[in-house]
Amino acid sequence: MAAQMAGQPGAELILAIETSCDETSVAVIRGGKEIISNLVSSQIETHRQFGGVVPEIASRKHVEVITLMMEAAVKEAGIKLQDLSAVAVTQGPGLVGALLVGIVAAKSLAMALDIPLIGTHHIAGHIYANNLISDIVYPSLALVVSGGHTELVLLEREGEFRMIGRTRDDAVGEAYDKVARALNFPYPGGPHVDRLAQQSAEVRELPRAWLEADSYDFSFSGLKSAVLAVINQIRMKGEELNTAALARGFQESVIDVLVTKALRAVKEFGARQLLLCGGVAANGGLRAVLQARCEESGIPLLIPPLSLCTDNAAMIGAAAHLKWIRGEFTNLDMKADPGLPLEDWSVGRVNI
C-alpha cells in the first residue's frame, strides 16, 4: 500500500463510485481536481413508470451495470488498474441497498489492488463538485438543494463542515416533485415546473415560510399544501387552472426563501464565497436569481456545470481527495450509512 501512496503530489489517481440513488456513476480523478473520466448510467426511464424511485429496482439496476461502468471508466481514463492510488465510494446518505452495491464493488477493488478505501459523504461530494471548476476560498457557505436535502453548510476550513440550517420537513426537491405530480407532470417533475415557471408572464402569489426571525432552517410542506389548496379550490369552482402561473408562484416562493437566507448567512458568518450544490442547482430559475442577487451584493458565487449538479462520481472523487491528502482512510469493514451526518465526515475523523 505504501508504494501506491508514493509519487508526485497531485498525480494520485482516485477511482470513485457513486450509487446512492438512481444513477450508477464511476469516475477517475487526478489530484482531486482533474476529471479523467466520469461516466453516469441513469435509471430515470426505468423509474418514470412508477412516478418515483423504487429502492429495490434501483439496487438491482446498480448490480447489473456496476462492473461494466468500472471497466469503462478505467478504459476511458486511459490507465491501468495498477495505476490507481485509492478507491472512493459513497458511504451515505442514500438508499441502503443502492449504497451497498457500490460499497461491495469498491471494497473488492481496493482489496484486490491493496490500495486504500475512502468512504465518502454524498453531500460533501456535492459541495466539493465546485472545487472541480474553481478553487474554494474559506470560509465559504454552501447552499445544498437536492431531492433529499436542503441545507446551509458553513466551511470555515477545508473539509470541515458545520450545519447552520436544514429543512424541517420536505426537501426542496421533494416539494418540486410533489407539486409536479399535482400538476400532472411526469417524473422527474422538477425540470417541468422550472421550465413552465420561467415561461409564464403571470404569477399566482403563494406564501413564504420564513420560520423564526433568526432561523436558517427551511420548511416547504406548507407551500406544497398551499399549491394543493389552490388546485382544489379552482377545481371545485369549475374554473380553468392557470398551471403556468401557479408553477411560477411556487418557484418564486422557493427561490425567495432559499436566496434570502443564504445571502443573510453569508454576511453573518463572513463567508468569502457562496457555493450552490445538489441536483436542484440545475434549476434555471434558481441559478438566474442567485447569480443576480450575488452580483448586486458583491458576493462571489460558484455553481457547478449541469453535468456536476446531479449525482456523479467525479464529485465523490473530489471530496475523497480531502481524506487522501491527510491519509484518513476507511476500514474494510465499513458499512453503508443511510443517515451519515455530514459534520461527522469532516477531516480529522478517521475510519468512520
Protein backbone atom coordinates (compact mmCIF):
# COMPACT_ATOMS: atom_id res chain seq x y z
CA MET A 1 0.00 0.00 0.00
CA ALA A 2 2.86 2.37 0.77
CA ALA A 3 4.10 2.08 -2.79
CA GLN A 4 0.69 3.13 -4.08
CA MET A 5 0.82 6.27 -1.92
CA ALA A 6 4.20 7.40 -3.25
CA GLY A 7 4.66 9.69 -6.24
CA GLN A 8 4.41 13.32 -7.18
CA PRO A 9 1.84 15.36 -5.22
CA GLY A 10 -1.25 15.91 -7.34
CA ALA A 11 -0.54 12.91 -9.56
CA GLU A 12 -2.58 10.45 -7.49
CA LEU A 13 -5.49 8.76 -9.23
CA ILE A 14 -8.69 8.01 -7.33
CA LEU A 15 -11.37 5.77 -8.80
CA ALA A 16 -14.69 6.95 -7.37
CA ILE A 17 -18.04 5.16 -7.26
CA GLU A 18 -21.47 6.72 -6.67
CA THR A 19 -24.60 4.55 -6.23
CA SER A 20 -26.62 6.40 -3.60
CA CYS A 21 -29.90 6.56 -5.51
CA ASP A 22 -30.82 6.03 -9.17
CA GLU A 23 -27.59 6.83 -11.01
CA THR A 24 -24.68 4.44 -11.30
CA SER A 25 -21.55 6.51 -11.79
CA VAL A 26 -17.83 5.77 -11.86
CA ALA A 27 -15.07 8.34 -12.35
CA VAL A 28 -11.30 8.63 -12.26
CA ILE A 29 -9.97 11.85 -10.71
CA ARG A 30 -6.37 13.05 -10.73
CA GLY A 31 -5.13 15.19 -7.85
CA GLY A 32 -8.64 15.89 -6.60
CA LYS A 33 -9.22 18.47 -9.35
CA GLU A 34 -8.87 16.91 -12.80
CA ILE A 35 -11.64 14.72 -14.21
CA ILE A 36 -10.04 11.96 -16.30
CA SER A 37 -13.33 10.11 -16.82
CA ASN A 38 -16.82 10.47 -15.38
CA LEU A 39 -19.49 8.05 -16.60
CA VAL A 40 -23.12 8.04 -15.49
CA SER A 41 -25.79 5.41 -16.14
CA SER A 42 -29.21 6.87 -15.34
CA GLN A 43 -32.28 4.89 -14.31
CA ILE A 44 -34.81 7.66 -14.95
CA GLU A 45 -36.64 5.81 -17.71
CA THR A 46 -36.98 2.73 -15.50
CA HIS A 47 -38.44 4.62 -12.53
CA ARG A 48 -40.61 7.01 -14.57
CA GLN A 49 -43.35 4.39 -14.97
CA PHE A 50 -43.66 4.24 -11.17
CA GLY A 51 -43.70 8.00 -10.66
CA GLY A 52 -40.56 7.92 -8.49
CA VAL A 53 -37.56 5.88 -7.42
CA VAL A 54 -38.29 2.30 -6.32
CA PRO A 55 -35.39 1.34 -3.98
CA GLU A 56 -35.34 -2.40 -4.77
CA ILE A 57 -35.35 -1.78 -8.51
CA ALA A 58 -32.62 0.85 -8.12
CA SER A 59 -30.40 -1.66 -6.30
CA ARG A 60 -30.88 -4.31 -8.97
CA LYS A 61 -30.05 -1.86 -11.76
CA HIS A 62 -26.83 -0.91 -9.97
CA VAL A 63 -25.87 -4.59 -9.74
CA GLU A 64 -26.46 -5.01 -13.48
CA VAL A 65 -24.09 -2.24 -14.58
CA ILE A 66 -21.56 -1.51 -11.82
CA THR A 67 -18.79 -3.80 -13.13
CA LEU A 68 -19.24 -2.60 -16.71
CA MET A 69 -19.15 1.02 -15.54
CA MET A 70 -15.93 0.47 -13.60
CA GLU A 71 -14.26 -1.14 -16.61
CA ALA A 72 -15.47 1.62 -18.93
CA ALA A 73 -14.29 4.43 -16.62
CA VAL A 74 -10.80 2.96 -16.39
CA LYS A 75 -10.66 2.41 -20.15
CA GLU A 76 -11.81 5.94 -20.93
CA ALA A 77 -9.24 7.33 -18.50
CA GLY A 78 -6.54 5.53 -20.46
CA ILE A 79 -4.97 3.97 -17.37
CA LYS A 80 -4.40 0.55 -15.85
CA LEU A 81 -5.94 -0.60 -12.59
CA GLN A 82 -2.44 -0.77 -11.14
CA ASP A 83 -2.12 3.00 -11.66
CA LEU A 84 -4.86 3.73 -9.11
CA SER A 85 -3.89 5.22 -5.76
CA ALA A 86 -7.19 4.70 -3.92
CA VAL A 87 -10.83 3.73 -4.34
CA ALA A 88 -13.55 6.07 -3.09
CA VAL A 89 -17.23 5.27 -2.71
CA THR A 90 -20.35 6.93 -1.37
CA GLN A 91 -20.95 5.57 2.15
CA GLY A 92 -24.07 7.66 2.77
CA PRO A 93 -26.55 9.16 2.89
CA GLY A 94 -28.72 7.39 0.34
CA LEU A 95 -30.78 4.25 -0.22
CA VAL A 96 -29.15 1.49 1.80
CA GLY A 97 -29.50 -1.19 -0.88
CA ALA A 98 -28.13 1.09 -3.56
CA LEU A 99 -25.22 2.18 -1.36
CA LEU A 100 -24.30 -1.43 -0.64
CA VAL A 101 -23.80 -2.24 -4.32
CA GLY A 102 -21.19 0.48 -4.71
CA ILE A 103 -19.55 -0.31 -1.37
CA VAL A 104 -19.13 -4.02 -2.16
CA ALA A 105 -17.63 -3.15 -5.56
CA ALA A 106 -15.26 -0.58 -4.03
CA LYS A 107 -14.12 -2.90 -1.23
CA SER A 108 -13.46 -5.70 -3.71
CA LEU A 109 -11.32 -3.49 -5.93
CA ALA A 110 -9.41 -1.95 -3.01
CA MET A 111 -8.65 -5.40 -1.61
CA ALA A 112 -7.61 -6.81 -4.97
CA LEU A 113 -5.22 -3.92 -5.65
CA ASP A 114 -4.15 -3.49 -2.00
CA ILE A 115 -4.85 0.25 -2.06
CA PRO A 116 -6.74 2.49 0.39
CA LEU A 117 -10.52 2.66 0.58
CA ILE A 118 -12.17 6.03 1.23
CA GLY A 119 -15.81 6.04 2.35
CA THR A 120 -17.21 9.38 1.23
CA HIS A 121 -20.17 11.55 2.20
CA HIS A 122 -22.63 12.19 -0.62
CA ILE A 123 -23.31 15.83 0.33
CA ALA A 124 -19.60 16.54 0.79
CA GLY A 125 -19.36 15.36 -2.80
CA HIS A 126 -21.99 17.82 -3.98
CA ILE A 127 -20.22 20.64 -2.15
CA TYR A 128 -16.76 19.79 -3.49
CA ALA A 129 -18.06 19.44 -7.04
CA ASN A 130 -17.45 23.19 -7.00
CA ASN A 131 -13.75 22.55 -6.41
CA LEU A 132 -13.60 20.79 -9.77
CA ILE A 133 -14.31 24.09 -11.54
CA SER A 134 -12.64 26.67 -9.30
CA ASP A 135 -10.76 26.87 -6.02
CA ILE A 136 -12.98 27.14 -2.95
CA VAL A 137 -11.99 30.05 -0.72
CA TYR A 138 -12.53 29.74 3.03
CA PRO A 139 -14.60 30.48 4.98
CA SER A 140 -17.28 29.51 2.48
CA LEU A 141 -21.01 28.85 2.67
CA ALA A 142 -22.74 26.05 0.77
CA LEU A 143 -26.42 26.09 -0.17
CA VAL A 144 -27.29 22.42 -0.69
CA VAL A 145 -30.50 21.81 -2.62
CA SER A 146 -31.46 18.33 -3.79
CA GLY A 147 -34.19 15.72 -3.75
CA GLY A 148 -33.47 14.71 -0.18
CA HIS A 149 -31.57 17.67 1.26
CA THR A 150 -31.98 21.41 1.78
CA GLU A 151 -29.17 22.71 3.95
CA LEU A 152 -26.89 25.63 4.66
CA VAL A 153 -23.37 24.42 5.48
CA LEU A 154 -20.53 26.59 6.70
CA LEU A 155 -16.98 25.57 5.71
CA GLU A 156 -14.64 27.52 7.96
CA ARG A 157 -11.66 25.49 6.72
CA GLU A 158 -11.05 22.89 4.03
CA GLY A 159 -13.02 19.73 4.72
CA GLU A 160 -14.67 20.99 7.92
CA PHE A 161 -18.47 21.11 7.77
CA ARG A 162 -20.79 22.94 10.15
CA MET A 163 -24.53 22.69 9.63
CA ILE A 164 -26.26 26.00 10.30
CA GLY A 165 -29.64 25.34 8.67
CA ARG A 166 -31.66 22.45 7.29
CA THR A 167 -35.18 21.58 6.21
CA ARG A 168 -37.63 20.65 8.92
CA ASP A 169 -39.85 18.65 6.57
CA ASP A 170 -39.76 18.31 2.78
CA ALA A 171 -36.51 18.93 0.97
CA VAL A 172 -36.85 21.38 -1.91
CA GLY A 173 -36.51 18.60 -4.49
CA GLU A 174 -39.28 16.63 -2.79
CA ALA A 175 -41.53 19.69 -2.84
CA TYR A 176 -40.90 20.16 -6.56
CA ASP A 177 -41.73 16.51 -7.29
CA LYS A 178 -44.95 16.61 -5.24
CA VAL A 179 -46.13 19.84 -6.86
CA ALA A 180 -45.22 18.47 -10.30
CA ARG A 181 -47.28 15.37 -9.59
CA ALA A 182 -50.25 17.53 -8.59
CA LEU A 183 -49.87 19.40 -11.88
CA ASN A 184 -49.79 16.08 -13.79
CA PHE A 185 -46.17 16.30 -14.90
CA PRO A 186 -44.22 13.05 -15.38
CA TYR A 187 -41.31 12.04 -13.14
CA PRO A 188 -38.91 13.71 -12.61
CA GLY A 189 -41.19 16.73 -12.39
CA GLY A 190 -38.81 19.44 -11.19
CA PRO A 191 -37.49 20.44 -14.63
CA HIS A 192 -41.06 20.71 -15.95
CA VAL A 193 -42.07 23.09 -13.15
CA ASP A 194 -38.91 25.15 -13.65
CA ARG A 195 -39.43 25.45 -17.41
CA LEU A 196 -43.11 26.38 -17.10
CA ALA A 197 -42.41 28.91 -14.34
CA GLN A 198 -39.82 30.73 -16.44
CA GLN A 199 -42.20 30.90 -19.42
CA SER A 200 -45.17 32.33 -17.52
CA ALA A 201 -45.99 36.04 -17.73
CA GLU A 202 -48.46 35.70 -14.84
CA VAL A 203 -47.85 34.62 -11.27
CA ARG A 204 -50.11 33.17 -8.59
CA GLU A 205 -48.77 34.59 -5.32
CA LEU A 206 -48.08 32.00 -2.64
CA PRO A 207 -46.87 32.27 0.98
CA ARG A 208 -43.25 32.18 2.17
CA ALA A 209 -42.20 30.08 5.16
CA TRP A 210 -39.60 32.26 6.89
CA LEU A 211 -39.90 30.49 10.29
CA GLU A 212 -38.30 32.30 13.26
CA ALA A 213 -36.62 35.63 12.56
CA ASP A 214 -33.09 34.34 13.20
CA SER A 215 -33.59 30.83 11.80
CA TYR A 216 -31.66 29.40 8.87
CA ASP A 217 -33.91 26.33 8.71
CA PHE A 218 -36.33 25.71 5.85
CA SER A 219 -39.86 24.37 5.55
CA PHE A 220 -41.64 23.57 2.28
CA SER A 221 -44.51 21.31 3.34
CA GLY A 222 -46.79 24.31 3.92
CA LEU A 223 -46.02 25.71 0.48
CA LYS A 224 -46.80 22.34 -1.08
CA SER A 225 -50.12 22.30 0.81
CA ALA A 226 -50.88 25.83 -0.40
CA VAL A 227 -50.40 24.72 -4.01
CA LEU A 228 -52.73 21.75 -3.49
CA ALA A 229 -55.31 24.04 -1.84
CA VAL A 230 -55.30 26.37 -4.86
CA ILE A 231 -55.76 23.45 -7.24
CA ASN A 232 -58.67 22.04 -5.22
CA GLN A 233 -60.40 25.41 -4.91
CA ILE A 234 -60.22 26.08 -8.64
CA ARG A 235 -61.49 22.59 -9.46
CA MET A 236 -64.42 22.92 -7.05
CA LYS A 237 -65.39 26.19 -8.73
CA GLY A 238 -65.18 24.55 -12.14
CA GLU A 239 -62.66 27.12 -13.32
CA GLU A 240 -59.64 26.55 -15.55
CA LEU A 241 -56.34 26.21 -13.76
CA ASN A 242 -53.54 28.52 -14.90
CA THR A 243 -50.84 25.92 -14.41
CA ALA A 244 -48.01 28.20 -15.54
CA ALA A 245 -48.92 30.99 -13.13
CA LEU A 246 -49.14 28.51 -10.26
CA ALA A 247 -45.78 26.97 -11.19
CA ARG A 248 -44.21 30.42 -11.25
CA GLY A 249 -45.75 31.33 -7.88
CA PHE A 250 -44.41 28.13 -6.34
CA GLN A 251 -40.93 28.58 -7.79
CA GLU A 252 -40.70 32.24 -6.78
CA SER A 253 -41.65 31.35 -3.21
CA VAL A 254 -39.00 28.62 -3.03
CA ILE A 255 -36.28 30.78 -4.58
CA ASP A 256 -37.08 33.82 -2.45
CA VAL A 257 -36.60 31.88 0.79
CA LEU A 258 -33.52 29.97 -0.37
CA VAL A 259 -31.68 33.00 -1.71
CA THR A 260 -32.61 35.40 1.08
CA LYS A 261 -31.48 33.03 3.83
CA ALA A 262 -28.30 32.07 2.00
CA LEU A 263 -27.23 35.69 1.48
CA ARG A 264 -28.05 36.58 5.09
CA ALA A 265 -25.91 33.67 6.29
CA VAL A 266 -23.01 34.72 4.05
CA LYS A 267 -22.97 38.14 5.71
CA GLU A 268 -23.46 36.89 9.26
CA PHE A 269 -20.70 34.29 9.10
CA GLY A 270 -18.30 36.33 6.98
CA ALA A 271 -18.16 33.81 4.13
CA ARG A 272 -15.96 34.76 1.20
CA GLN A 273 -17.88 32.61 -1.29
CA LEU A 274 -21.32 31.11 -1.75
CA LEU A 275 -21.47 27.62 -3.27
CA LEU A 276 -24.61 26.24 -4.90
CA CYS A 277 -24.73 22.43 -4.67
CA GLY A 278 -27.01 19.47 -5.41
CA GLY A 279 -29.42 18.32 -8.08
CA VAL A 280 -31.74 21.34 -7.75
CA ALA A 281 -28.71 23.53 -8.52
CA ALA A 282 -29.61 22.68 -12.13
CA ASN A 283 -32.83 24.72 -11.73
CA GLY A 284 -32.60 27.59 -14.20
CA GLY A 285 -34.76 29.97 -12.19
CA LEU A 286 -32.71 29.47 -9.02
CA ARG A 287 -29.39 29.87 -10.83
CA ALA A 288 -30.50 33.10 -12.50
CA VAL A 289 -31.88 34.76 -9.37
CA LEU A 290 -28.95 33.70 -7.20
CA GLN A 291 -26.43 35.00 -9.74
CA ALA A 292 -28.24 38.34 -9.97
CA ARG A 293 -28.58 38.76 -6.20
CA CYS A 294 -24.95 37.79 -5.59
CA GLU A 295 -23.76 40.31 -8.19
CA GLU A 296 -25.84 43.02 -6.51
CA SER A 297 -24.39 42.13 -3.10
CA GLY A 298 -20.81 41.64 -4.30
CA ILE A 299 -20.74 38.00 -3.18
CA PRO A 300 -18.57 35.58 -5.22
CA LEU A 301 -20.71 32.64 -6.36
CA LEU A 302 -19.69 29.19 -7.54
CA ILE A 303 -22.16 26.96 -9.40
CA PRO A 304 -21.07 23.67 -11.00
CA PRO A 305 -21.98 22.95 -14.63
CA LEU A 306 -25.19 20.95 -15.05
CA SER A 307 -23.24 17.70 -15.51
CA LEU A 308 -21.80 18.06 -11.99
CA CYS A 309 -25.03 19.13 -10.27
CA THR A 310 -26.80 15.80 -10.46
CA ASP A 311 -25.35 12.68 -8.82
CA ASN A 312 -21.99 11.72 -10.31
CA ALA A 313 -18.80 10.01 -9.20
CA ALA A 314 -16.46 12.89 -10.06
CA MET A 315 -17.79 14.84 -7.09
CA ILE A 316 -17.18 11.81 -4.84
CA GLY A 317 -13.59 11.68 -6.02
CA ALA A 318 -13.16 15.39 -5.35
CA ALA A 319 -14.43 15.04 -1.77
CA ALA A 320 -12.45 11.85 -1.16
CA HIS A 321 -9.27 13.71 -2.03
CA LEU A 322 -9.71 15.67 1.23
CA LYS A 323 -9.19 12.41 3.10
CA TRP A 324 -6.49 11.11 0.75
CA ILE A 325 -4.10 14.02 1.32
CA ARG A 326 -4.41 13.52 5.09
CA GLY A 327 -4.06 9.73 5.00
CA GLU A 328 -7.51 9.30 6.51
CA PHE A 329 -8.64 6.01 5.04
CA THR A 330 -11.62 3.81 5.81
CA ASN A 331 -11.52 0.30 7.26
CA LEU A 332 -12.67 -2.53 5.02
CA ASP A 333 -15.45 -3.36 7.50
CA MET A 334 -17.16 -0.09 6.55
CA LYS A 335 -20.95 -0.32 6.39
CA ALA A 336 -23.46 1.65 4.36
CA ASP A 337 -24.85 4.52 6.43
CA PRO A 338 -28.09 5.99 5.02
CA GLY A 339 -28.11 8.68 7.74
CA LEU A 340 -24.40 9.54 7.81
CA PRO A 341 -24.07 13.03 9.40
CA LEU A 342 -22.08 15.48 7.29
CA GLU A 343 -20.31 17.06 10.25
CA ASP A 344 -19.08 13.62 11.37
CA TRP A 345 -17.34 13.19 7.99
CA SER A 346 -15.21 16.31 8.47
CA VAL A 347 -11.46 15.87 8.09
CA GLY A 348 -9.69 14.71 11.22
CA ARG A 349 -12.23 11.96 11.87
CA VAL A 350 -10.62 8.73 10.73
CA ASN A 351 -12.15 5.33 9.97
CA ILE A 352 -15.78 6.36 10.30
